[in-house]
């Protein structure tokens, strides 16, 4: 049974940093993609970043390029999203999602993902 558990959200001031974790289990870490998505109140869900098992390919939305970094620790079955220079516009519930099996380059369309976590709240405010 696939499980995705996000953690690391919280309240941070503008310009601050947070690191989100997505602990994933219940599948074979060979062909997969894990993505981070977010949804702010009253807005549609949007893709933030993803990483694929295909050469560790990564992808970032324009809104976070240069500020966020996605990485994986295969020994811990965990994917991280390091978020720096946070802005109030980054406030949202952040979800991790799994596409499996998946052999392509890092995707960022939510329809490509099969499993979703429960989400973690990130609030950027002074």
N, C-alpha and C. Protein backbone atom coordinates (compact mmCIF):
# COMPACT_ATOMS: atom_id res chain seq x y z
N UNK A 1 0.84 -1.18 0.00
CA UNK A 1 0.00 0.00 0.00
C UNK A 1 0.89 1.25 0.00
N UNK A 2 0.69 2.08 -0.99
CA UNK A 2 1.50 3.29 -1.11
C UNK A 2 1.07 4.31 -0.05
N UNK A 3 2.07 4.88 0.60
CA UNK A 3 1.82 5.95 1.56
C UNK A 3 2.78 7.09 1.30
N UNK A 4 2.26 8.29 1.35
CA UNK A 4 3.06 9.51 1.22
C UNK A 4 2.74 10.38 2.42
N UNK A 5 3.76 10.75 3.16
CA UNK A 5 3.56 11.56 4.35
C UNK A 5 4.44 12.80 4.26
N UNK A 6 3.78 13.95 4.21
CA UNK A 6 4.51 15.21 4.16
C UNK A 6 4.74 15.74 5.57
N UNK A 7 5.83 16.47 5.71
CA UNK A 7 6.11 17.15 6.98
C UNK A 7 7.00 18.35 6.69
N UNK A 8 7.14 19.21 7.70
CA UNK A 8 8.05 20.35 7.58
C UNK A 8 7.39 21.69 7.33
N UNK A 9 6.08 21.70 7.18
CA UNK A 9 5.40 22.97 6.98
C UNK A 9 5.39 23.79 8.25
N UNK A 10 4.94 25.03 8.11
CA UNK A 10 4.86 25.90 9.28
C UNK A 10 4.72 27.35 8.89
N UNK A 11 4.93 28.21 9.88
CA UNK A 11 4.85 29.65 9.69
C UNK A 11 6.26 30.22 9.59
N UNK A 12 6.50 31.02 8.58
CA UNK A 12 7.83 31.61 8.38
C UNK A 12 7.65 33.04 7.87
N UNK A 13 8.59 33.88 8.19
CA UNK A 13 8.54 35.26 7.73
C UNK A 13 9.01 35.35 6.27
N UNK A 14 8.57 36.37 5.56
CA UNK A 14 9.07 36.58 4.19
C UNK A 14 10.59 36.61 4.17
N UNK A 15 11.15 35.96 3.17
CA UNK A 15 12.60 35.85 3.08
C UNK A 15 13.17 34.65 3.79
N UNK A 16 12.35 33.97 4.56
CA UNK A 16 12.82 32.81 5.31
C UNK A 16 12.83 31.53 4.49
N UNK A 17 13.16 30.43 5.17
CA UNK A 17 13.30 29.14 4.50
C UNK A 17 12.56 28.05 5.26
N UNK A 18 12.15 27.05 4.53
CA UNK A 18 11.59 25.84 5.09
C UNK A 18 12.03 24.67 4.23
N UNK A 19 12.09 23.49 4.85
CA UNK A 19 12.35 22.29 4.08
C UNK A 19 11.21 21.31 4.32
N UNK A 20 10.53 20.97 3.25
CA UNK A 20 9.46 19.99 3.31
C UNK A 20 10.03 18.60 3.02
N UNK A 21 9.46 17.60 3.68
CA UNK A 21 9.84 16.22 3.45
C UNK A 21 8.63 15.42 2.99
N UNK A 22 8.88 14.48 2.11
CA UNK A 22 7.85 13.55 1.66
C UNK A 22 8.41 12.15 1.84
N UNK A 23 7.95 11.46 2.88
CA UNK A 23 8.37 10.09 3.13
C UNK A 23 7.42 9.16 2.38
N UNK A 24 7.98 8.39 1.48
CA UNK A 24 7.17 7.53 0.62
C UNK A 24 7.46 6.06 0.87
N UNK A 25 6.44 5.25 0.87
CA UNK A 25 6.62 3.82 1.09
C UNK A 25 5.57 3.04 0.33
N UNK A 26 5.82 1.71 0.23
CA UNK A 26 4.84 0.84 -0.40
C UNK A 26 5.01 0.66 -1.88
N UNK A 27 6.16 1.06 -2.43
CA UNK A 27 6.41 0.84 -3.84
C UNK A 27 7.91 0.66 -4.06
N UNK A 28 8.27 0.22 -5.24
CA UNK A 28 9.68 -0.02 -5.56
C UNK A 28 10.28 1.24 -6.16
N UNK A 29 11.36 1.68 -5.54
CA UNK A 29 12.00 2.93 -5.97
C UNK A 29 12.89 2.68 -7.19
N UNK A 30 12.28 2.29 -8.28
CA UNK A 30 13.04 2.12 -9.51
C UNK A 30 12.54 3.04 -10.62
N UNK A 31 11.28 3.02 -10.87
CA UNK A 31 10.71 3.86 -11.92
C UNK A 31 9.59 4.68 -11.31
N UNK A 32 9.84 5.95 -11.10
CA UNK A 32 8.88 6.78 -10.40
C UNK A 32 9.15 8.26 -10.69
N UNK A 33 8.20 9.07 -10.36
CA UNK A 33 8.38 10.52 -10.27
C UNK A 33 7.64 10.97 -9.02
N UNK A 34 8.25 11.87 -8.31
CA UNK A 34 7.59 12.48 -7.15
C UNK A 34 7.51 13.97 -7.39
N UNK A 35 6.35 14.51 -7.17
CA UNK A 35 6.13 15.94 -7.40
C UNK A 35 5.61 16.64 -6.16
N UNK A 36 5.85 17.91 -6.11
CA UNK A 36 5.27 18.78 -5.09
C UNK A 36 4.28 19.72 -5.78
N UNK A 37 3.11 19.80 -5.19
CA UNK A 37 2.06 20.69 -5.67
C UNK A 37 1.61 21.56 -4.51
N UNK A 38 0.93 22.64 -4.82
CA UNK A 38 0.40 23.48 -3.76
C UNK A 38 -0.95 24.03 -4.16
N UNK A 39 -1.74 24.34 -3.14
CA UNK A 39 -3.05 24.93 -3.39
C UNK A 39 -3.32 25.98 -2.33
N UNK A 40 -3.49 27.20 -2.79
CA UNK A 40 -3.83 28.31 -1.91
C UNK A 40 -5.35 28.46 -1.87
N UNK A 41 -5.87 29.07 -0.81
CA UNK A 41 -7.32 29.24 -0.70
C UNK A 41 -7.90 29.96 -1.91
N UNK A 42 -8.93 29.38 -2.49
CA UNK A 42 -9.59 30.01 -3.63
C UNK A 42 -8.87 29.90 -4.96
N UNK A 43 -7.76 29.15 -4.96
CA UNK A 43 -6.99 29.00 -6.20
C UNK A 43 -6.89 27.55 -6.61
N UNK A 44 -6.59 27.33 -7.86
CA UNK A 44 -6.41 25.98 -8.37
C UNK A 44 -5.08 25.41 -7.90
N UNK A 45 -5.03 24.10 -7.82
CA UNK A 45 -3.76 23.44 -7.47
C UNK A 45 -2.74 23.68 -8.58
N UNK A 46 -1.50 23.91 -8.19
CA UNK A 46 -0.46 24.13 -9.18
C UNK A 46 0.77 23.29 -8.87
N UNK A 47 1.44 22.86 -9.90
CA UNK A 47 2.67 22.12 -9.75
C UNK A 47 3.80 23.04 -9.37
N UNK A 48 4.63 22.58 -8.44
CA UNK A 48 5.76 23.37 -7.96
C UNK A 48 7.08 22.81 -8.48
N UNK A 49 7.28 21.52 -8.26
CA UNK A 49 8.53 20.89 -8.65
C UNK A 49 8.35 19.39 -8.68
N UNK A 50 9.20 18.72 -9.43
CA UNK A 50 9.16 17.26 -9.46
C UNK A 50 10.54 16.71 -9.74
N UNK A 51 10.69 15.43 -9.40
CA UNK A 51 11.92 14.72 -9.66
C UNK A 51 11.58 13.35 -10.19
N UNK A 52 12.34 12.90 -11.18
CA UNK A 52 12.08 11.62 -11.82
C UNK A 52 13.25 10.68 -11.60
N UNK A 53 12.94 9.38 -11.60
CA UNK A 53 14.00 8.39 -11.50
C UNK A 53 14.83 8.35 -12.79
N UNK A 54 14.38 8.98 -13.84
CA UNK A 54 15.11 9.03 -15.11
C UNK A 54 16.25 10.04 -14.96
N UNK A 55 17.39 9.52 -14.58
CA UNK A 55 18.60 10.34 -14.41
C UNK A 55 18.43 11.44 -13.35
N UNK A 56 17.47 11.28 -12.47
CA UNK A 56 17.26 12.30 -11.45
C UNK A 56 16.79 13.62 -12.01
N UNK A 57 16.14 13.56 -13.15
CA UNK A 57 15.67 14.77 -13.80
C UNK A 57 14.74 15.55 -12.87
N UNK A 58 14.88 16.87 -12.91
CA UNK A 58 14.04 17.74 -12.07
C UNK A 58 13.35 18.79 -12.93
N UNK A 59 12.29 19.32 -12.36
CA UNK A 59 11.53 20.34 -13.07
C UNK A 59 10.97 21.31 -12.05
N UNK A 60 10.96 22.60 -12.41
CA UNK A 60 10.46 23.63 -11.50
C UNK A 60 9.49 24.54 -12.23
N UNK A 61 8.48 24.96 -11.51
CA UNK A 61 7.61 25.99 -12.04
C UNK A 61 8.38 27.31 -12.08
N UNK A 62 8.01 28.17 -13.02
CA UNK A 62 8.71 29.45 -13.16
C UNK A 62 8.66 30.26 -11.87
N UNK A 63 7.56 30.14 -11.15
CA UNK A 63 7.37 30.95 -9.94
C UNK A 63 8.33 30.60 -8.82
N UNK A 64 8.94 29.41 -8.87
CA UNK A 64 9.84 29.00 -7.78
C UNK A 64 11.26 28.74 -8.26
N UNK A 65 11.48 28.80 -9.57
CA UNK A 65 12.81 28.55 -10.13
C UNK A 65 13.84 29.47 -9.46
N UNK A 66 14.93 28.88 -9.00
CA UNK A 66 15.98 29.64 -8.35
C UNK A 66 15.79 29.83 -6.86
N UNK A 67 14.59 29.55 -6.36
CA UNK A 67 14.33 29.68 -4.92
C UNK A 67 14.12 28.33 -4.25
N UNK A 68 13.53 27.39 -4.96
CA UNK A 68 13.23 26.07 -4.42
C UNK A 68 14.18 25.04 -5.04
N UNK A 69 14.45 24.00 -4.27
CA UNK A 69 15.28 22.91 -4.77
C UNK A 69 14.71 21.58 -4.30
N UNK A 70 14.53 20.67 -5.23
CA UNK A 70 14.02 19.34 -4.90
C UNK A 70 15.18 18.36 -4.89
N UNK A 71 15.13 17.42 -3.97
CA UNK A 71 16.19 16.42 -3.88
C UNK A 71 15.60 15.14 -3.31
N UNK A 72 16.38 14.08 -3.39
CA UNK A 72 15.91 12.80 -2.88
C UNK A 72 17.01 12.12 -2.08
N UNK A 73 16.59 11.35 -1.12
CA UNK A 73 17.50 10.51 -0.35
C UNK A 73 16.97 9.09 -0.47
N UNK A 74 17.56 8.33 -1.39
CA UNK A 74 17.05 6.99 -1.63
C UNK A 74 17.17 6.09 -0.41
N UNK A 75 18.17 6.35 0.43
CA UNK A 75 18.36 5.49 1.61
C UNK A 75 17.24 5.69 2.62
N UNK A 76 16.59 6.85 2.55
CA UNK A 76 15.50 7.14 3.49
C UNK A 76 14.14 7.13 2.80
N UNK A 77 14.12 6.83 1.52
CA UNK A 77 12.87 6.84 0.75
C UNK A 77 12.13 8.16 0.94
N UNK A 78 12.87 9.24 0.84
CA UNK A 78 12.32 10.55 1.12
C UNK A 78 12.74 11.55 0.05
N UNK A 79 11.81 12.39 -0.32
CA UNK A 79 12.08 13.50 -1.23
C UNK A 79 11.88 14.79 -0.46
N UNK A 80 12.77 15.74 -0.70
CA UNK A 80 12.74 17.01 0.02
C UNK A 80 12.45 18.16 -0.93
N UNK A 81 11.87 19.19 -0.40
CA UNK A 81 11.71 20.45 -1.12
C UNK A 81 12.26 21.55 -0.23
N UNK A 82 13.44 22.02 -0.59
CA UNK A 82 14.05 23.14 0.12
C UNK A 82 13.50 24.43 -0.46
N UNK A 83 12.89 25.23 0.39
CA UNK A 83 12.26 26.47 -0.06
C UNK A 83 12.96 27.64 0.58
N UNK A 84 13.59 28.47 -0.23
CA UNK A 84 14.32 29.64 0.25
C UNK A 84 13.68 30.92 -0.25
N UNK A 85 14.02 32.02 0.42
CA UNK A 85 13.51 33.33 0.02
C UNK A 85 11.98 33.28 -0.18
N UNK A 86 11.31 32.74 0.80
CA UNK A 86 9.87 32.56 0.69
C UNK A 86 9.13 33.90 0.64
N UNK A 87 8.05 33.88 -0.11
CA UNK A 87 7.22 35.07 -0.31
C UNK A 87 5.81 34.78 0.18
N UNK A 88 5.06 35.82 0.55
CA UNK A 88 3.66 35.58 0.98
C UNK A 88 2.86 34.80 -0.06
N UNK A 89 3.20 34.97 -1.34
CA UNK A 89 2.49 34.26 -2.40
C UNK A 89 2.75 32.76 -2.38
N UNK A 90 3.73 32.32 -1.62
CA UNK A 90 4.02 30.89 -1.49
C UNK A 90 3.11 30.21 -0.46
N UNK A 91 2.32 30.99 0.25
CA UNK A 91 1.41 30.43 1.25
C UNK A 91 0.40 29.51 0.59
N UNK A 92 0.35 28.28 1.08
CA UNK A 92 -0.54 27.27 0.50
C UNK A 92 -0.40 25.98 1.28
N UNK A 93 -1.28 25.04 0.99
CA UNK A 93 -1.08 23.67 1.44
C UNK A 93 -0.24 22.97 0.37
N UNK A 94 0.83 22.36 0.80
CA UNK A 94 1.74 21.69 -0.11
C UNK A 94 1.52 20.18 -0.04
N UNK A 95 1.40 19.58 -1.21
CA UNK A 95 1.17 18.14 -1.31
C UNK A 95 2.31 17.48 -2.09
N UNK A 96 2.69 16.29 -1.67
CA UNK A 96 3.56 15.50 -2.54
C UNK A 96 2.72 14.43 -3.21
N UNK A 97 3.17 14.03 -4.37
CA UNK A 97 2.44 13.07 -5.18
C UNK A 97 3.42 12.14 -5.86
N UNK A 98 2.95 10.94 -6.14
CA UNK A 98 3.78 9.89 -6.72
C UNK A 98 3.20 9.41 -8.04
N UNK A 99 4.04 9.32 -9.04
CA UNK A 99 3.68 8.65 -10.30
C UNK A 99 4.50 7.37 -10.35
N UNK A 100 3.80 6.22 -10.42
CA UNK A 100 4.50 4.94 -10.40
C UNK A 100 3.65 3.87 -11.01
N UNK A 101 4.20 3.09 -11.93
CA UNK A 101 5.54 3.25 -12.48
C UNK A 101 5.61 4.43 -13.44
N UNK A 102 6.80 4.98 -13.57
CA UNK A 102 6.97 6.17 -14.43
C UNK A 102 8.39 6.18 -14.95
N UNK A 103 8.55 6.33 -16.25
CA UNK A 103 9.89 6.26 -16.84
C UNK A 103 10.26 7.53 -17.60
N UNK A 104 9.42 8.53 -17.55
CA UNK A 104 9.68 9.73 -18.34
C UNK A 104 10.50 10.76 -17.61
N UNK A 105 10.63 11.91 -18.25
CA UNK A 105 11.27 13.05 -17.62
C UNK A 105 10.32 13.64 -16.58
N UNK A 106 10.90 14.45 -15.69
CA UNK A 106 10.12 14.96 -14.56
C UNK A 106 8.85 15.67 -15.02
N UNK A 107 7.70 15.20 -14.59
CA UNK A 107 6.43 15.78 -15.00
C UNK A 107 5.96 16.82 -13.99
N UNK A 108 5.02 17.65 -14.41
CA UNK A 108 4.43 18.61 -13.46
C UNK A 108 2.95 18.82 -13.76
N UNK A 109 2.33 17.82 -14.36
CA UNK A 109 0.88 17.86 -14.58
C UNK A 109 0.25 16.90 -13.61
N UNK A 110 -0.72 17.37 -12.85
CA UNK A 110 -1.22 16.54 -11.76
C UNK A 110 -1.89 15.26 -12.28
N UNK A 111 -2.34 15.26 -13.52
CA UNK A 111 -3.00 14.06 -14.02
C UNK A 111 -2.01 12.91 -14.22
N UNK A 112 -0.72 13.20 -14.18
CA UNK A 112 0.28 12.14 -14.36
C UNK A 112 0.59 11.42 -13.05
N UNK A 113 0.07 11.92 -11.96
CA UNK A 113 0.38 11.36 -10.64
C UNK A 113 -0.76 10.49 -10.15
N UNK A 114 -0.38 9.39 -9.48
CA UNK A 114 -1.34 8.38 -9.09
C UNK A 114 -1.71 8.40 -7.61
N UNK A 115 -0.79 8.86 -6.79
CA UNK A 115 -1.00 8.83 -5.35
C UNK A 115 -0.67 10.20 -4.76
N UNK A 116 -1.40 10.56 -3.72
CA UNK A 116 -1.25 11.88 -3.12
C UNK A 116 -1.17 11.78 -1.61
N UNK A 117 -0.36 12.68 -1.03
CA UNK A 117 -0.31 12.79 0.42
C UNK A 117 -1.42 13.69 0.93
N UNK A 118 -1.43 13.87 2.24
CA UNK A 118 -2.49 14.65 2.89
C UNK A 118 -2.21 16.14 2.91
N UNK A 119 -0.98 16.52 2.70
CA UNK A 119 -0.64 17.94 2.63
C UNK A 119 -0.07 18.49 3.92
N UNK A 120 0.70 19.56 3.78
CA UNK A 120 1.25 20.28 4.93
C UNK A 120 1.13 21.77 4.65
N UNK A 121 0.71 22.52 5.66
CA UNK A 121 0.46 23.95 5.49
C UNK A 121 1.76 24.73 5.58
N UNK A 122 1.94 25.63 4.62
CA UNK A 122 3.04 26.59 4.64
C UNK A 122 2.43 27.99 4.64
N UNK A 123 2.79 28.78 5.64
CA UNK A 123 2.29 30.14 5.74
C UNK A 123 3.47 31.10 5.81
N UNK A 124 3.50 32.03 4.89
CA UNK A 124 4.57 33.02 4.85
C UNK A 124 3.96 34.37 5.19
N UNK A 125 4.31 34.86 6.37
CA UNK A 125 3.69 36.09 6.85
C UNK A 125 4.59 36.74 7.89
N UNK A 126 4.52 38.07 7.93
CA UNK A 126 5.26 38.80 8.96
C UNK A 126 4.37 39.08 10.16
